[in-house]
Amino acid sequence: MGPASALDTWIAAACDELGLSPGDVEAKAVLDVARDVAHNVVRPGAPVTAYLMGVAVGRGADPAEVAGRLSSLALEWPADGRE
């Protein structure tokens, strides 16, 4: 089982556990934002930012808009503010 299959399997199981639909998960967007934060801000910021994305989306924000805004923020983060 490759990484993508393992991720899909995990997402399906986690969604089942939480009563969510795997079709509602924007995995690529979350992974892209996490990468941008980890590489441009600070590594531990990636999971925290993913959580913040979920909170925002859970409160009604558009997932694509949230992802775009956070990626832009991370990519524009000043180099001297990075750890």
Protein backbone atom coordinates (compact mmCIF):
# COMPACT_ATOMS: atom_id res chain seq x y z
CA MET A 1 0.00 0.00 0.00
CA GLY A 2 1.57 3.30 -1.12
CA PRO A 3 1.55 6.60 0.75
CA ALA A 4 -1.49 7.96 -1.11
CA SER A 5 -3.45 4.79 -0.39
CA ALA A 6 -2.39 4.84 3.26
CA LEU A 7 -3.48 8.48 3.52
CA ASP A 8 -6.82 7.73 1.84
CA THR A 9 -7.36 4.79 4.18
CA TRP A 10 -6.52 6.93 7.21
CA ILE A 11 -8.83 9.75 6.07
CA ALA A 12 -11.69 7.30 5.54
CA ALA A 13 -11.17 5.75 8.99
CA ALA A 14 -10.84 9.13 10.73
CA CYS A 15 -13.94 10.43 8.95
CA ASP A 16 -15.87 7.34 9.95
CA GLU A 17 -14.77 7.82 13.55
CA LEU A 18 -15.91 11.47 13.51
CA GLY A 19 -19.09 11.00 11.48
CA LEU A 20 -17.73 12.94 8.50
CA SER A 21 -17.62 12.21 4.79
CA PRO A 22 -14.21 11.67 3.14
CA GLY A 23 -15.57 13.66 0.20
CA ASP A 24 -15.69 16.73 2.41
CA VAL A 25 -11.97 16.56 3.20
CA GLU A 26 -9.69 18.91 1.27
CA ALA A 27 -6.58 16.81 1.94
CA LYS A 28 -4.44 18.36 -0.81
CA ALA A 29 -5.23 21.89 0.36
CA VAL A 30 -4.41 21.01 3.97
CA LEU A 31 -1.15 19.32 2.97
CA ASP A 32 -0.16 22.25 0.74
CA VAL A 33 -0.76 24.78 3.52
CA ALA A 34 1.06 22.60 6.05
CA ARG A 35 4.04 22.39 3.70
CA ASP A 36 4.10 26.16 3.20
CA VAL A 37 3.95 26.82 6.93
CA ALA A 38 6.53 24.15 7.81
CA HIS A 39 9.02 25.40 5.21
CA ASN A 40 8.46 29.15 5.50
CA VAL A 41 7.42 29.82 9.09
CA VAL A 42 8.11 27.06 11.61
CA ARG A 43 7.64 23.29 11.46
CA PRO A 44 5.34 22.93 14.50
CA GLY A 45 3.12 25.58 12.96
CA ALA A 46 1.97 23.12 10.30
CA PRO A 47 -0.38 20.98 12.43
CA VAL A 48 -1.57 24.00 14.40
CA THR A 49 -2.39 25.80 11.16
CA ALA A 50 -4.23 22.71 9.87
CA TYR A 51 -6.30 22.80 13.04
CA LEU A 52 -6.99 26.51 12.57
CA MET A 53 -8.12 25.78 9.00
CA GLY A 54 -10.57 23.23 10.36
CA VAL A 55 -11.94 25.64 12.93
CA ALA A 56 -12.44 28.34 10.28
CA VAL A 57 -14.11 25.93 7.85
CA GLY A 58 -16.24 24.51 10.65
CA ARG A 59 -17.47 28.02 11.29
CA GLY A 60 -18.49 28.40 7.67
CA ALA A 61 -15.41 29.72 5.84
CA ASP A 62 -14.73 28.49 2.32
CA PRO A 63 -11.98 25.82 2.42
CA ALA A 64 -10.26 27.06 -0.76
CA GLU A 65 -10.26 30.65 0.46
CA VAL A 66 -8.88 29.70 3.86
CA ALA A 67 -6.13 27.60 2.25
CA GLY A 68 -5.20 30.38 -0.15
CA ARG A 69 -5.05 33.03 2.54
CA LEU A 70 -2.92 30.92 4.88
CA SER A 71 -0.54 29.78 2.13
CA SER A 72 -0.10 33.38 1.03
CA LEU A 73 0.60 34.45 4.60
CA ALA A 74 3.17 31.68 5.04
CA LEU A 75 4.87 32.34 1.70
CA GLU A 76 5.13 36.06 2.51
CA TRP A 77 6.42 35.41 6.05
CA PRO A 78 9.65 37.36 6.64
CA ALA A 79 12.78 35.25 6.67
CA ASP A 80 13.97 36.87 9.88
CA GLY A 81 10.73 35.74 11.59
CA ARG A 82 11.42 32.08 10.87
CA GLU A 83 12.86 29.61 13.32
